[in-house]
PDB file of N, CA and C in Angstrom:
ATOM      1  N   UNK A   1      39.881-109.411 106.025  1.00  0.00           N
ATOM      2  CA  UNK A   1      41.172-109.433 106.643  1.00  0.00           C
ATOM      3  C   UNK A   1      41.305-108.198 107.539  1.00  0.00           C
ATOM      4  N   UNK A   2      41.808-108.410 108.693  1.00  0.00           N
ATOM      5  CA  UNK A   2      41.948-107.345 109.665  1.00  0.00           C
ATOM      6  C   UNK A   2      43.328-106.699 109.519  1.00  0.00           C
ATOM      7  N   UNK A   3      43.310-105.333 109.509  1.00  0.00           N
ATOM      8  CA  UNK A   3      44.553-104.584 109.328  1.00  0.00           C
ATOM      9  C   UNK A   3      45.083-104.178 110.706  1.00  0.00           C
ATOM     10  N   UNK A   4      46.296-104.511 110.993  1.00  0.00           N
ATOM     11  CA  UNK A   4      46.914-104.187 112.266  1.00  0.00           C
ATOM     12  C   UNK A   4      47.646-102.850 112.109  1.00  0.00           C
ATOM     13  N   UNK A   5      47.067-101.778 112.698  1.00  0.00           N
ATOM     14  CA  UNK A   5      47.582-100.432 112.486  1.00  0.00           C
ATOM     15  C   UNK A   5      48.227 -99.910 113.762  1.00  0.00           C
ATOM     16  N   UNK A   6      49.438 -99.354 113.645  1.00  0.00           N
ATOM     17  CA  UNK A   6      50.144 -98.742 114.766  1.00  0.00           C
ATOM     18  C   UNK A   6      50.535 -97.327 114.371  1.00  0.00           C
ATOM     19  N   UNK A   7      50.434 -96.388 115.329  1.00  0.00           N
ATOM     20  CA  UNK A   7      50.827 -95.007 115.060  1.00  0.00           C
ATOM     21  C   UNK A   7      49.669 -94.162 114.573  1.00  0.00           C
ATOM     22  N   UNK A   8      50.006 -92.957 114.166  1.00  0.00           N
ATOM     23  CA  UNK A   8      49.004 -91.998 113.712  1.00  0.00           C
ATOM     24  C   UNK A   8      49.122 -91.806 112.209  1.00  0.00           C
ATOM     25  N   UNK A   9      47.998 -91.451 111.589  1.00  0.00           N
ATOM     26  CA  UNK A   9      48.021 -91.143 110.159  1.00  0.00           C
ATOM     27  C   UNK A   9      48.427 -89.686 109.983  1.00  0.00           C
ATOM     28  N   UNK A  10      48.766 -89.326 108.771  1.00  0.00           N
ATOM     29  CA  UNK A  10      49.179 -87.967 108.458  1.00  0.00           C
ATOM     30  C   UNK A  10      48.036 -86.988 108.712  1.00  0.00           C
ATOM     31  N   UNK A  11      46.829 -87.364 108.414  1.00  0.00           N
ATOM     32  CA  UNK A  11      45.670 -86.493 108.623  1.00  0.00           C
ATOM     33  C   UNK A  11      45.475 -86.211 110.112  1.00  0.00           C
ATOM     34  N   UNK A  12      45.611 -87.212 110.949  1.00  0.00           N
ATOM     35  CA  UNK A  12      45.463 -87.017 112.391  1.00  0.00           C
ATOM     36  C   UNK A  12      46.525 -86.059 112.932  1.00  0.00           C
ATOM     37  N   UNK A  13      47.741 -86.210 112.478  1.00  0.00           N
ATOM     38  CA  UNK A  13      48.829 -85.320 112.912  1.00  0.00           C
ATOM     39  C   UNK A  13      48.569 -83.896 112.420  1.00  0.00           C
ATOM     40  N   UNK A  14      48.093 -83.740 111.192  1.00  0.00           N
ATOM     41  CA  UNK A  14      47.804 -82.412 110.656  1.00  0.00           C
ATOM     42  C   UNK A  14      46.674 -81.731 111.434  1.00  0.00           C
ATOM     43  N   UNK A  15      45.685 -82.480 111.862  1.00  0.00           N
ATOM     44  CA  UNK A  15      44.591 -81.905 112.653  1.00  0.00           C
ATOM     45  C   UNK A  15      45.107 -81.416 113.995  1.00  0.00           C
ATOM     46  N   UNK A  16      45.957 -82.196 114.644  1.00  0.00           N
ATOM     47  CA  UNK A  16      46.528 -81.786 115.933  1.00  0.00           C
ATOM     48  C   UNK A  16      47.376 -80.535 115.768  1.00  0.00           C
ATOM     49  N   UNK A  17      48.188 -80.480 114.725  1.00  0.00           N
ATOM     50  CA  UNK A  17      49.025 -79.304 114.476  1.00  0.00           C
ATOM     51  C   UNK A  17      48.151 -78.082 114.195  1.00  0.00           C
ATOM     52  N   UNK A  18      47.074 -78.245 113.446  1.00  0.00           N
ATOM     53  CA  UNK A  18      46.172 -77.126 113.161  1.00  0.00           C
ATOM     54  C   UNK A  18      45.511 -76.612 114.442  1.00  0.00           C
ATOM     55  N   UNK A  19      45.107 -77.504 115.324  1.00  0.00           N
ATOM     56  CA  UNK A  19      44.487 -77.090 116.590  1.00  0.00           C
ATOM     57  C   UNK A  19      45.498 -76.332 117.442  1.00  0.00           C
ATOM     58  N   UNK A  20      46.726 -76.821 117.515  1.00  0.00           N
ATOM     59  CA  UNK A  20      47.767 -76.124 118.284  1.00  0.00           C
ATOM     60  C   UNK A  20      48.038 -74.752 117.677  1.00  0.00           C
ATOM     61  N   UNK A  21      48.056 -74.645 116.364  1.00  0.00           N
ATOM     62  CA  UNK A  21      48.264 -73.360 115.695  1.00  0.00           C
ATOM     63  C   UNK A  21      47.152 -72.368 115.991  1.00  0.00           C
ATOM     64  N   UNK A  22      45.917 -72.822 116.007  1.00  0.00           N
ATOM     65  CA  UNK A  22      44.788 -71.941 116.318  1.00  0.00           C
ATOM     66  C   UNK A  22      44.875 -71.462 117.761  1.00  0.00           C
ATOM     67  N   UNK A  23      45.193 -72.363 118.677  1.00  0.00           N
ATOM     68  CA  UNK A  23      45.334 -71.972 120.080  1.00  0.00           C
ATOM     69  C   UNK A  23      46.470 -70.969 120.264  1.00  0.00           C
ATOM     70  N   UNK A  24      47.579 -71.156 119.565  1.00  0.00           N
ATOM     71  CA  UNK A  24      48.702 -70.220 119.657  1.00  0.00           C
ATOM     72  C   UNK A  24      48.328 -68.864 119.070  1.00  0.00           C
ATOM     73  N   UNK A  25      47.560 -68.861 117.972  1.00  0.00           N
ATOM     74  CA  UNK A  25      47.143 -67.603 117.360  1.00  0.00           C
ATOM     75  C   UNK A  25      46.233 -66.802 118.286  1.00  0.00           C
ATOM     76  N   UNK A  26      45.510 -67.483 119.144  1.00  0.00           N
ATOM     77  CA  UNK A  26      44.652 -66.798 120.105  1.00  0.00           C
ATOM     78  C   UNK A  26      45.456 -66.353 121.330  1.00  0.00           C
ATOM     79  N   UNK A  27      46.347 -67.195 121.812  1.00  0.00           N
ATOM     80  CA  UNK A  27      47.032 -66.948 123.082  1.00  0.00           C
ATOM     81  C   UNK A  27      48.159 -65.922 122.975  1.00  0.00           C
ATOM     82  N   UNK A  28      48.947 -65.923 121.916  1.00  0.00           N
ATOM     83  CA  UNK A  28      50.131 -65.062 121.828  1.00  0.00           C
ATOM     84  C   UNK A  28      49.771 -63.572 121.840  1.00  0.00           C
ATOM     85  N   UNK A  29      48.800 -63.094 121.063  1.00  0.00           N
ATOM     86  CA  UNK A  29      48.459 -61.666 121.155  1.00  0.00           C
ATOM     87  C   UNK A  29      47.953 -61.262 122.541  1.00  0.00           C
ATOM     88  N   UNK A  30      47.189 -62.142 123.188  1.00  0.00           N
ATOM     89  CA  UNK A  30      46.718 -61.838 124.540  1.00  0.00           C
ATOM     90  C   UNK A  30      47.878 -61.755 125.520  1.00  0.00           C
ATOM     91  N   UNK A  31      48.857 -62.619 125.363  1.00  0.00           N
ATOM     92  CA  UNK A  31      50.038 -62.587 126.226  1.00  0.00           C
ATOM     93  C   UNK A  31      50.813 -61.294 126.044  1.00  0.00           C
ATOM     94  N   UNK A  32      51.003 -60.864 124.791  1.00  0.00           N
ATOM     95  CA  UNK A  32      51.750 -59.641 124.533  1.00  0.00           C
ATOM     96  C   UNK A  32      51.016 -58.418 125.074  1.00  0.00           C
ATOM     97  N   UNK A  33      49.701 -58.403 124.936  1.00  0.00           N
ATOM     98  CA  UNK A  33      48.914 -57.286 125.453  1.00  0.00           C
ATOM     99  C   UNK A  33      48.995 -57.217 126.969  1.00  0.00           C
ATOM    100  N   UNK A  34      48.882 -58.356 127.626  1.00  0.00           N
ATOM    101  CA  UNK A  34      48.940 -58.357 129.083  1.00  0.00           C
ATOM    102  C   UNK A  34      50.342 -58.002 129.573  1.00  0.00           C
ATOM    103  N   UNK A  35      51.356 -58.353 128.828  1.00  0.00           N
ATOM    104  CA  UNK A  35      52.726 -57.995 129.203  1.00  0.00           C
ATOM    105  C   UNK A  35      52.926 -56.488 129.140  1.00  0.00           C
ATOM    106  N   UNK A  36      52.456 -55.852 128.058  1.00  0.00           N
ATOM    107  CA  UNK A  36      52.567 -54.400 127.939  1.00  0.00           C
ATOM    108  C   UNK A  36      51.780 -53.699 129.040  1.00  0.00           C
ATOM    109  N   UNK A  37      50.607 -54.219 129.357  1.00  0.00           N
ATOM    110  CA  UNK A  37      49.774 -53.615 130.398  1.00  0.00           C
ATOM    111  C   UNK A  37      50.443 -53.728 131.768  1.00  0.00           C
ATOM    112  N   UNK A  38      51.057 -54.870 132.052  1.00  0.00           N
ATOM    113  CA  UNK A  38      51.729 -55.028 133.344  1.00  0.00           C
ATOM    114  C   UNK A  38      52.967 -54.142 133.434  1.00  0.00           C
ATOM    115  N   UNK A  39      53.692 -53.946 132.331  1.00  0.00           N
ATOM    116  CA  UNK A  39      54.826 -53.029 132.335  1.00  0.00           C
ATOM    117  C   UNK A  39      54.362 -51.598 132.589  1.00  0.00           C
ATOM    118  N   UNK A  40      53.248 -51.211 131.975  1.00  0.00           N
ATOM    119  CA  UNK A  40      52.710 -49.871 132.187  1.00  0.00           C
ATOM    120  C   UNK A  40      52.306 -49.679 133.645  1.00  0.00           C
ATOM    121  N   UNK A  41      51.614 -50.656 134.211  1.00  0.00           N
ATOM    122  CA  UNK A  41      51.177 -50.547 135.600  1.00  0.00           C
ATOM    123  C   UNK A  41      52.357 -50.507 136.571  1.00  0.00           C
ATOM    124  N   UNK A  42      53.405 -51.283 136.282  1.00  0.00           N
ATOM    125  CA  UNK A  42      54.594 -51.267 137.133  1.00  0.00           C
ATOM    126  C   UNK A  42      55.299 -49.916 137.049  1.00  0.00           C
ATOM    127  N   UNK A  43      55.354 -49.331 135.868  1.00  0.00           N
ATOM    128  CA  UNK A  43      55.990 -48.022 135.702  1.00  0.00           C
ATOM    129  C   UNK A  43      55.203 -46.955 136.457  1.00  0.00           C
ATOM    130  N   UNK A  44      53.888 -46.998 136.371  1.00  0.00           N
ATOM    131  CA  UNK A  44      53.056 -46.035 137.089  1.00  0.00           C
ATOM    132  C   UNK A  44      53.231 -46.199 138.597  1.00  0.00           C
ATOM    133  N   UNK A  45      53.321 -47.444 139.066  1.00  0.00           N
ATOM    134  CA  UNK A  45      53.544 -47.685 140.496  1.00  0.00           C
ATOM    135  C   UNK A  45      54.900 -47.137 140.929  1.00  0.00           C
ATOM    136  N   UNK A  46      55.927 -47.297 140.091  1.00  0.00           N
ATOM    137  CA  UNK A  46      57.250 -46.735 140.400  1.00  0.00           C
ATOM    138  C   UNK A  46      57.183 -45.212 140.489  1.00  0.00           C
ATOM    139  N   UNK A  47      56.474 -44.601 139.537  1.00  0.00           N
ATOM    140  CA  UNK A  47      56.387 -43.135 139.547  1.00  0.00           C
ATOM    141  C   UNK A  47      55.618 -42.638 140.766  1.00  0.00           C
ATOM    142  N   UNK A  48      54.596 -43.366 141.191  1.00  0.00           N
ATOM    143  CA  UNK A  48      53.868 -42.986 142.409  1.00  0.00           C
ATOM    144  C   UNK A  48      54.782 -43.087 143.636  1.00  0.00           C
ATOM    145  N   UNK A  49      55.612 -44.115 143.676  1.00  0.00           N
ATOM    146  CA  UNK A  49      56.552 -44.270 144.783  1.00  0.00           C
ATOM    147  C   UNK A  49      57.563 -43.121 144.790  1.00  0.00           C
ATOM    148  N   UNK A  50      58.069 -42.755 143.624  1.00  0.00           N
ATOM    149  CA  UNK A  50      59.020 -41.644 143.524  1.00  0.00           C
ATOM    150  C   UNK A  50      58.332 -40.338 143.902  1.00  0.00           C
ATOM    151  N   UNK A  51      57.094 -40.161 143.464  1.00  0.00           N
ATOM    152  CA  UNK A  51      56.356 -38.945 143.794  1.00  0.00           C
ATOM    153  C   UNK A  51      56.178 -38.810 145.315  1.00  0.00           C
ATOM    154  N   UNK A  52      55.892 -39.917 145.984  1.00  0.00           N
ATOM    155  CA  UNK A  52      55.792 -39.898 147.441  1.00  0.00           C
ATOM    156  C   UNK A  52      57.111 -39.556 148.098  1.00  0.00           C
ATOM    157  N   UNK A  53      58.211 -40.083 147.565  1.00  0.00           N
ATOM    158  CA  UNK A  53      59.532 -39.778 148.116  1.00  0.00           C
ATOM    159  C   UNK A  53      59.884 -38.309 147.899  1.00  0.00           C
ATOM    160  N   UNK A  54      59.487 -37.746 146.756  1.00  0.00           N
ATOM    161  CA  UNK A  54      59.737 -36.324 146.492  1.00  0.00           C
ATOM    162  C   UNK A  54      58.977 -35.469 147.504  1.00  0.00           C
ATOM    163  N   UNK A  55      57.735 -35.842 147.761  1.00  0.00           N
ATOM    164  CA  UNK A  55      56.939 -35.086 148.740  1.00  0.00           C
ATOM    165  C   UNK A  55      57.553 -35.187 150.141  1.00  0.00           C
ATOM    166  N   UNK A  56      58.030 -36.362 150.510  1.00  0.00           N
ATOM    167  CA  UNK A  56      58.683 -36.527 151.812  1.00  0.00           C
ATOM    168  C   UNK A  56      59.954 -35.682 151.904  1.00  0.00           C
ATOM    169  N   UNK A  57      60.721 -35.643 150.814  1.00  0.00           N
ATOM    170  CA  UNK A  57      61.948 -34.851 150.807  1.00  0.00           C
ATOM    171  C   UNK A  57      61.633 -33.370 150.949  1.00  0.00           C
ATOM    172  N   UNK A  58      60.577 -32.926 150.270  1.00  0.00           N
ATOM    173  CA  UNK A  58      60.191 -31.517 150.378  1.00  0.00           C
ATOM    174  C   UNK A  58      59.711 -31.193 151.789  1.00  0.00           C
ATOM    175  N   UNK A  59      58.958 -32.099 152.384  1.00  0.00           N
ATOM    176  CA  UNK A  59      58.518 -31.883 153.764  1.00  0.00           C
ATOM    177  C   UNK A  59      59.692 -31.910 154.737  1.00  0.00           C
ATOM    178  N   UNK A  60      60.724 -32.643 154.381  1.00  0.00           N
ATOM    179  CA  UNK A  60      61.917 -32.720 155.211  1.00  0.00           C
ATOM    180  C   UNK A  60      62.831 -31.525 155.045  1.00  0.00           C
ATOM    181  N   UNK A  61      62.508 -30.605 154.141  1.00  0.00           N
ATOM    182  CA  UNK A  61      63.287 -29.386 153.980  1.00  0.00           C
ATOM    183  C   UNK A  61      64.188 -29.351 152.771  1.00  0.00           C
ATOM    184  N   UNK A  62      64.139 -30.337 151.889  1.00  0.00           N
ATOM    185  CA  UNK A  62      64.986 -30.327 150.697  1.00  0.00           C
ATOM    186  C   UNK A  62      64.484 -29.271 149.716  1.00  0.00           C
ATOM    187  N   UNK A  63      65.388 -28.433 149.242  1.00  0.00           N
ATOM    188  CA  UNK A  63      64.994 -27.404 148.281  1.00  0.00           C
ATOM    189  C   UNK A  63      65.053 -27.917 146.853  1.00  0.00           C
ATOM    190  N   UNK A  64      65.996 -28.795 146.569  1.00  0.00           N
ATOM    191  CA  UNK A  64      66.081 -29.418 145.246  1.00  0.00           C
ATOM    192  C   UNK A  64      66.108 -30.936 145.428  1.00  0.00           C
ATOM    193  N   UNK A  65      65.497 -31.619 144.489  1.00  0.00           N
ATOM    194  CA  UNK A  65      65.393 -33.074 144.578  1.00  0.00           C
ATOM    195  C   UNK A  65      66.190 -33.690 143.441  1.00  0.00           C
ATOM    196  N   UNK A  66      67.078 -34.628 143.778  1.00  0.00           N
ATOM    197  CA  UNK A  66      67.870 -35.333 142.778  1.00  0.00           C
ATOM    198  C   UNK A  66      67.876 -36.823 143.124  1.00  0.00           C
ATOM    199  N   UNK A  67      68.529 -37.583 142.293  1.00  0.00           N
ATOM    200  CA  UNK A  67      68.579 -39.027 142.547  1.00  0.00           C
ATOM    201  C   UNK A  67      69.370 -39.338 143.812  1.00  0.00           C
ATOM    202  N   UNK A  68      70.370 -38.531 144.132  1.00  0.00           N
ATOM    203  CA  UNK A  68      71.129 -38.783 145.366  1.00  0.00           C
ATOM    204  C   UNK A  68      70.307 -38.454 146.607  1.00  0.00           C
ATOM    205  N   UNK A  69      69.371 -37.517 146.479  1.00  0.00           N
ATOM    206  CA  UNK A  69      68.493 -37.191 147.601  1.00  0.00           C
ATOM    207  C   UNK A  69      67.476 -38.294 147.851  1.00  0.00           C
ATOM    208  N   UNK A  70      66.983 -38.897 146.762  1.00  0.00           N
ATOM    209  CA  UNK A  70      65.873 -39.849 146.871  1.00  0.00           C
ATOM    210  C   UNK A  70      66.306 -41.289 147.096  1.00  0.00           C
ATOM    211  N   UNK A  71      67.406 -41.709 146.468  1.00  0.00           N
ATOM    212  CA  UNK A  71      67.756 -43.124 146.438  1.00  0.00           C
ATOM    213  C   UNK A  71      69.029 -43.402 147.225  1.00  0.00           C
ATOM    214  N   UNK A  72      69.019 -44.472 147.997  1.00  0.00           N
ATOM    215  CA  UNK A  72      70.182 -44.896 148.759  1.00  0.00           C
ATOM    216  C   UNK A  72      69.739 -45.547 150.056  1.00  0.00           C
ATOM    217  N   UNK A  73      70.669 -46.153 150.753  1.00  0.00           N
ATOM    218  CA  UNK A  73      70.313 -46.889 151.970  1.00  0.00           C
ATOM    219  C   UNK A  73      69.803 -45.975 153.070  1.00  0.00           C
ATOM    220  N   UNK A  74      70.260 -44.726 153.103  1.00  0.00           N
ATOM    221  CA  UNK A  74      69.797 -43.788 154.126  1.00  0.00           C
ATOM    222  C   UNK A  74      68.793 -42.789 153.567  1.00  0.00           C
ATOM    223  N   UNK A  75      68.349 -42.965 152.328  1.00  0.00           N
ATOM    224  CA  UNK A  75      67.429 -42.024 151.688  1.00  0.00           C
ATOM    225  C   UNK A  75      65.990 -42.526 151.783  1.00  0.00           C
ATOM    226  N   UNK A  76      65.126 -41.963 150.996  1.00  0.00           N
ATOM    227  CA  UNK A  76      63.698 -42.279 151.060  1.00  0.00           C
ATOM    228  C   UNK A  76      63.349 -43.597 150.374  1.00  0.00           C
ATOM    229  N   UNK A  77      64.062 -43.951 149.310  1.00  0.00           N
ATOM    230  CA  UNK A  77      63.870 -45.224 148.605  1.00  0.00           C
ATOM    231  C   UNK A  77      65.228 -45.917 148.568  1.00  0.00           C
ATOM    232  N   UNK A  78      65.299 -47.149 149.055  1.00  0.00           N
ATOM    233  CA  UNK A  78      66.599 -47.841 149.160  1.00  0.00           C
ATOM    234  C   UNK A  78      67.206 -48.156 147.797  1.00  0.00           C
ATOM    235  N   UNK A  79      66.405 -48.697 146.885  1.00  0.00           N
ATOM    236  CA  UNK A  79      66.905 -49.080 145.565  1.00  0.00           C
ATOM    237  C   UNK A  79      66.162 -48.255 144.520  1.00  0.00           C
ATOM    238  N   UNK A  80      66.910 -47.637 143.635  1.00  0.00           N
ATOM    239  CA  UNK A  80      66.301 -46.795 142.604  1.00  0.00           C
ATOM    240  C   UNK A  80      65.483 -47.661 141.646  1.00  0.00           C
ATOM    241  N   UNK A  81      64.184 -47.370 141.498  1.00  0.00           N
ATOM    242  CA  UNK A  81      63.377 -48.157 140.560  1.00  0.00           C
ATOM    243  C   UNK A  81      63.722 -47.813 139.117  1.00  0.00           C
ATOM    244  N   UNK A  82      63.459 -48.742 138.238  1.00  0.00           N
ATOM    245  CA  UNK A  82      63.690 -48.544 136.811  1.00  0.00           C
ATOM    246  C   UNK A  82      62.428 -48.892 136.049  1.00  0.00           C
ATOM    247  N   UNK A  83      62.233 -48.231 134.928  1.00  0.00           N
ATOM    248  CA  UNK A  83      61.059 -48.515 134.105  1.00  0.00           C
ATOM    249  C   UNK A  83      61.190 -49.934 133.551  1.00  0.00           C
ATOM    250  N   UNK A  84      60.161 -50.770 133.722  1.00  0.00           N
ATOM    251  CA  UNK A  84      60.265 -52.152 133.251  1.00  0.00           C
ATOM    252  C   UNK A  84      60.239 -52.299 131.729  1.00  0.00           C
ATOM    253  N   UNK A  85      59.959 -51.221 131.021  1.00  0.00           N
ATOM    254  CA  UNK A  85      59.912 -51.301 129.553  1.00  0.00           C
ATOM    255  C   UNK A  85      61.274 -51.651 128.982  1.00  0.00           C
ATOM    256  N   UNK A  86      62.319 -50.929 129.416  1.00  0.00           N
ATOM    257  CA  UNK A  86      63.674 -51.273 128.953  1.00  0.00           C
ATOM    258  C   UNK A  86      64.734 -51.024 130.018  1.00  0.00           C
ATOM    259  N   UNK A  87      64.310 -51.041 131.293  1.00  0.00           N
ATOM    260  CA  UNK A  87      65.214 -50.966 132.457  1.00  0.00           C
ATOM    261  C   UNK A  87      66.032 -49.679 132.511  1.00  0.00           C
ATOM    262  N   UNK A  88      65.429 -48.554 132.122  1.00  0.00           N
ATOM    263  CA  UNK A  88      66.123 -47.282 132.236  1.00  0.00           C
ATOM    264  C   UNK A  88      65.725 -46.589 133.534  1.00  0.00           C
ATOM    265  N   UNK A  89      66.651 -45.827 134.083  1.00  0.00           N
ATOM    266  CA  UNK A  89      66.436 -45.169 135.369  1.00  0.00           C
ATOM    267  C   UNK A  89      65.608 -43.896 135.179  1.00  0.00           C
ATOM    268  N   UNK A  90      64.869 -43.548 136.212  1.00  0.00           N
ATOM    269  CA  UNK A  90      64.079 -42.314 136.216  1.00  0.00           C
ATOM    270  C   UNK A  90      65.020 -41.148 136.498  1.00  0.00           C
ATOM    271  N   UNK A  91      64.906 -40.087 135.703  1.00  0.00           N
ATOM    272  CA  UNK A  91      65.784 -38.930 135.870  1.00  0.00           C
ATOM    273  C   UNK A  91      65.015 -37.648 136.141  1.00  0.00           C
ATOM    274  N   UNK A  92      63.743 -37.584 135.815  1.00  0.00           N
ATOM    275  CA  UNK A  92      62.926 -36.400 136.038  1.00  0.00           C
ATOM    276  C   UNK A  92      62.071 -36.642 137.271  1.00  0.00           C
ATOM    277  N   UNK A  93      62.226 -35.781 138.287  1.00  0.00           N
ATOM    278  CA  UNK A  93      61.551 -36.038 139.554  1.00  0.00           C
ATOM    279  C   UNK A  93      60.496 -35.015 139.929  1.00  0.00           C
ATOM    280  N   UNK A  94      60.509 -33.819 139.363  1.00  0.00           N
ATOM    281  CA  UNK A  94      59.520 -32.813 139.761  1.00  0.00           C
ATOM    282  C   UNK A  94      59.014 -32.087 138.524  1.00  0.00           C
ATOM    283  N   UNK A  95      58.019 -32.557 137.827  1.00  0.00           N
ATOM    284  CA  UNK A  95      57.171 -33.717 138.119  1.00  0.00           C
ATOM    285  C   UNK A  95      57.830 -35.016 137.656  1.00  0.00           C
ATOM    286  N   UNK A  96      57.385 -36.115 138.229  1.00  0.00           N
ATOM    287  CA  UNK A  96      57.938 -37.430 137.901  1.00  0.00           C
ATOM    288  C   UNK A  96      57.475 -37.821 136.507  1.00  0.00           C
ATOM    289  N   UNK A  97      58.415 -38.297 135.692  1.00  0.00           N
ATOM    290  CA  UNK A  97      58.082 -38.724 134.333  1.00  0.00           C
ATOM    291  C   UNK A  97      58.838 -40.002 134.000  1.00  0.00           C
ATOM    292  N   UNK A  98      58.223 -40.794 133.152  1.00  0.00           N
ATOM    293  CA  UNK A  98      58.861 -42.028 132.692  1.00  0.00           C
ATOM    294  C   UNK A  98      60.032 -41.674 131.778  1.00  0.00           C
ATOM    295  N   UNK A  99      61.163 -42.361 131.894  1.00  0.00           N
ATOM    296  CA  UNK A  99      62.293 -42.063 131.007  1.00  0.00           C
ATOM    297  C   UNK A  99      62.034 -42.452 129.557  1.00  0.00           C
ATOM    298  N   UNK A 100      61.003 -43.248 129.306  1.00  0.00           N
ATOM    299  CA  UNK A 100      60.682 -43.686 127.947  1.00  0.00           C
ATOM    300  C   UNK A 100      59.472 -42.952 127.389  1.00  0.00           C
ATOM    301  N   UNK A 101      59.285 -41.710 127.799  1.00  0.00           N
ATOM    302  CA  UNK A 101      58.075 -40.986 127.432  1.00  0.00           C
ATOM    303  C   UNK A 101      57.969 -40.778 125.918  1.00  0.00           C
ATOM    304  N   UNK A 102      59.062 -40.738 125.203  1.00  0.00           N
ATOM    305  CA  UNK A 102      59.002 -40.614 123.750  1.00  0.00           C
ATOM    306  C   UNK A 102      58.703 -41.929 123.055  1.00  0.00           C
ATOM    307  N   UNK A 103      59.039 -43.044 123.714  1.00  0.00           N
ATOM    308  CA  UNK A 103      58.848 -44.373 123.124  1.00  0.00           C
ATOM    309  C   UNK A 103      57.464 -44.928 123.429  1.00  0.00           C
ATOM    310  N   UNK A 104      57.077 -44.875 124.694  1.00  0.00           N
ATOM    311  CA  UNK A 104      55.763 -45.350 125.116  1.00  0.00           C
ATOM    312  C   UNK A 104      54.978 -44.167 125.649  1.00  0.00           C
ATOM    313  N   UNK A 105      53.769 -43.992 125.164  1.00  0.00           N
ATOM    314  CA  UNK A 105      53.004 -42.806 125.535  1.00  0.00           C
ATOM    315  C   UNK A 105      52.057 -43.038 126.694  1.00  0.00           C
ATOM    316  N   UNK A 106      51.846 -44.268 127.091  1.00  0.00           N
ATOM    317  CA  UNK A 106      50.852 -44.534 128.133  1.00  0.00           C
ATOM    318  C   UNK A 106      51.457 -44.681 129.520  1.00  0.00           C
ATOM    319  N   UNK A 107      52.746 -44.442 129.670  1.00  0.00           N
ATOM    320  CA  UNK A 107      53.380 -44.499 130.993  1.00  0.00           C
ATOM    321  C   UNK A 107      53.310 -43.108 131.632  1.00  0.00           C
ATOM    322  N   UNK A 108      52.122 -42.716 132.062  1.00  0.00           N
ATOM    323  CA  UNK A 108      51.930 -41.415 132.685  1.00  0.00           C
ATOM    324  C   UNK A 108      51.121 -41.593 133.960  1.00  0.00           C
ATOM    325  N   UNK A 109      51.369 -40.709 134.919  1.00  0.00           N
ATOM    326  CA  UNK A 109      50.609 -40.740 136.154  1.00  0.00           C
ATOM    327  C   UNK A 109      49.194 -40.227 135.895  1.00  0.00           C
ATOM    328  N   UNK A 110      48.207 -40.886 136.461  1.00  0.00           N
ATOM    329  CA  UNK A 110      46.844 -40.377 136.304  1.00  0.00           C
ATOM    330  C   UNK A 110      46.664 -39.079 137.098  1.00  0.00           C
ATOM    331  N   UNK A 111      45.788 -38.229 136.622  1.00  0.00           N
ATOM    332  CA  UNK A 111      45.563 -36.949 137.322  1.00  0.00           C
ATOM    333  C   UNK A 111      44.693 -37.127 138.534  1.00  0.00           C
TER     334      UNK A 111
END
């Protein structure tokens, strides 16, 4: 007698769920690592941009550098960059430092 079967068995569904779980276990840590790395690289790029603006301000004759000197429509950088780690503004300009230096240790300019 021939059995007319429709749908999936429990074992087939469990195998598919196990495969999806294994793929997620591999992909999620890689995603988190790449996210942290991209945030670090973006922060370093922001600090390099601020460092260039500080140098331009000094060449332009500024004796002290502040956020009002560097950021604004008529200043060296139109929009003040923020650290992508938690969107905090940069406050230390000479030398430039990440505002999250106590939280994340790898957001530093290379020598």
